[in-house]
Amino acid sequence: MGRLTPIVELGVAEALAILTEQLAVSPETLPPLDAIENEDWGRDLLLSKLQEIDDRTLAAAGLSRQDGDFEQASGQSSWTVPRDETGG
């Protein structure tokens, strides 16, 4: 599987398009692009909507919650903790 794009790297227009076109979020539940594209709250809103989507669905759209490989086969989250921080 190719590199997944972390959701935090998405621009407002790109995030809105992915949510409505690929992830089937109703456009009626989101503000129009011209109202949010230059607003921090608009980006935060779209990121919060993406956070509500499960890891497998995000991966199918080519996205991840952060950098790193998605453990699709095992069903594990893409969130990882470096070994040196876990004490192991």
Protein backbone atom coordinates (compact mmCIF):
# COMPACT_ATOMS: atom_id res chain seq x y z
CA MET A 1 0.00 0.00 0.00
CA GLY A 2 1.28 3.47 -0.85
CA ARG A 3 1.89 6.27 1.58
CA LEU A 4 -1.26 7.50 3.27
CA THR A 5 -1.78 11.23 3.58
CA PRO A 6 -2.15 12.43 7.17
CA ILE A 7 -5.43 14.29 7.58
CA VAL A 8 -3.60 17.26 9.13
CA GLU A 9 -1.84 17.83 5.78
CA LEU A 10 -5.11 18.38 3.92
CA GLY A 11 -6.17 21.82 2.82
CA VAL A 12 -9.70 23.00 3.54
CA ALA A 13 -10.96 22.53 -0.03
CA GLU A 14 -9.36 19.09 -0.29
CA ALA A 15 -10.75 17.94 3.06
CA LEU A 16 -14.23 19.16 2.16
CA ALA A 17 -14.12 17.37 -1.20
CA ILE A 18 -12.93 14.11 0.38
CA LEU A 19 -15.59 14.25 3.07
CA THR A 20 -18.44 14.87 0.64
CA GLU A 21 -17.28 12.99 -2.46
CA GLN A 22 -15.40 9.98 -1.07
CA LEU A 23 -16.64 9.55 2.49
CA ALA A 24 -20.33 10.25 1.85
CA VAL A 25 -20.72 13.04 4.40
CA SER A 26 -23.78 15.05 3.41
CA PRO A 27 -22.81 18.49 2.09
CA GLU A 28 -25.86 19.89 3.89
CA THR A 29 -24.18 19.11 7.23
CA LEU A 30 -21.14 21.25 6.40
CA PRO A 31 -20.70 24.96 5.73
CA PRO A 32 -19.98 25.97 2.11
CA LEU A 33 -16.33 26.22 1.11
CA ASP A 34 -16.39 29.99 0.65
CA ALA A 35 -17.51 30.39 4.27
CA ILE A 36 -14.70 28.28 5.77
CA GLU A 37 -11.71 28.20 3.44
CA ASN A 38 -9.86 31.07 5.12
CA GLU A 39 -11.03 30.40 8.66
CA ASP A 40 -9.22 28.38 11.34
CA TRP A 41 -12.54 27.18 12.74
CA GLY A 42 -13.48 25.84 9.31
CA ARG A 43 -10.35 23.70 9.08
CA ASP A 44 -10.87 22.54 12.66
CA LEU A 45 -14.45 21.57 11.88
CA LEU A 46 -13.40 19.49 8.87
CA LEU A 47 -10.61 17.81 10.83
CA SER A 48 -13.07 16.93 13.59
CA LYS A 49 -15.37 15.34 10.99
CA LEU A 50 -12.44 13.31 9.65
CA GLN A 51 -11.54 12.24 13.20
CA GLU A 52 -15.03 10.71 13.51
CA ILE A 53 -14.31 8.31 10.65
CA ASP A 54 -12.77 4.92 11.42
CA ASP A 55 -9.19 4.09 10.38
CA ARG A 56 -10.14 1.54 7.71
CA THR A 57 -12.44 3.99 5.94
CA LEU A 58 -9.80 6.71 6.09
CA ALA A 59 -7.20 4.31 4.68
CA ALA A 60 -9.54 3.34 1.83
CA ALA A 61 -9.63 7.05 0.94
CA GLY A 62 -5.80 7.22 1.13
CA LEU A 63 -5.75 8.98 4.50
CA SER A 64 -4.37 8.35 7.97
CA ARG A 65 -4.56 10.13 11.29
CA GLN A 66 -0.79 10.69 11.28
CA ASP A 67 2.36 9.73 9.40
CA GLY A 68 3.15 6.05 9.35
CA ASP A 69 1.79 2.88 7.92
CA PHE A 70 -1.76 1.79 8.58
CA GLU A 71 -1.99 -1.73 10.01
CA GLN A 72 -4.80 -2.74 7.67
CA ALA A 73 -4.34 -6.50 7.95
CA SER A 74 -4.39 -6.56 11.73
CA GLY A 75 -7.08 -3.93 12.17
CA GLN A 76 -4.87 -1.90 14.51
CA SER A 77 -5.10 1.84 14.69
CA SER A 78 -2.63 3.98 12.77
CA TRP A 79 -1.76 5.70 16.06
CA THR A 80 1.59 4.43 17.27
CA VAL A 81 3.75 5.13 20.28
CA PRO A 82 7.52 5.04 19.81
CA ARG A 83 9.11 2.17 21.70
CA ASP A 84 11.34 4.41 23.82
CA GLU A 85 8.24 6.10 25.29
CA THR A 86 6.56 2.84 26.28
CA GLY A 87 9.43 1.52 28.36
CA GLY A 88 9.82 -1.45 26.06
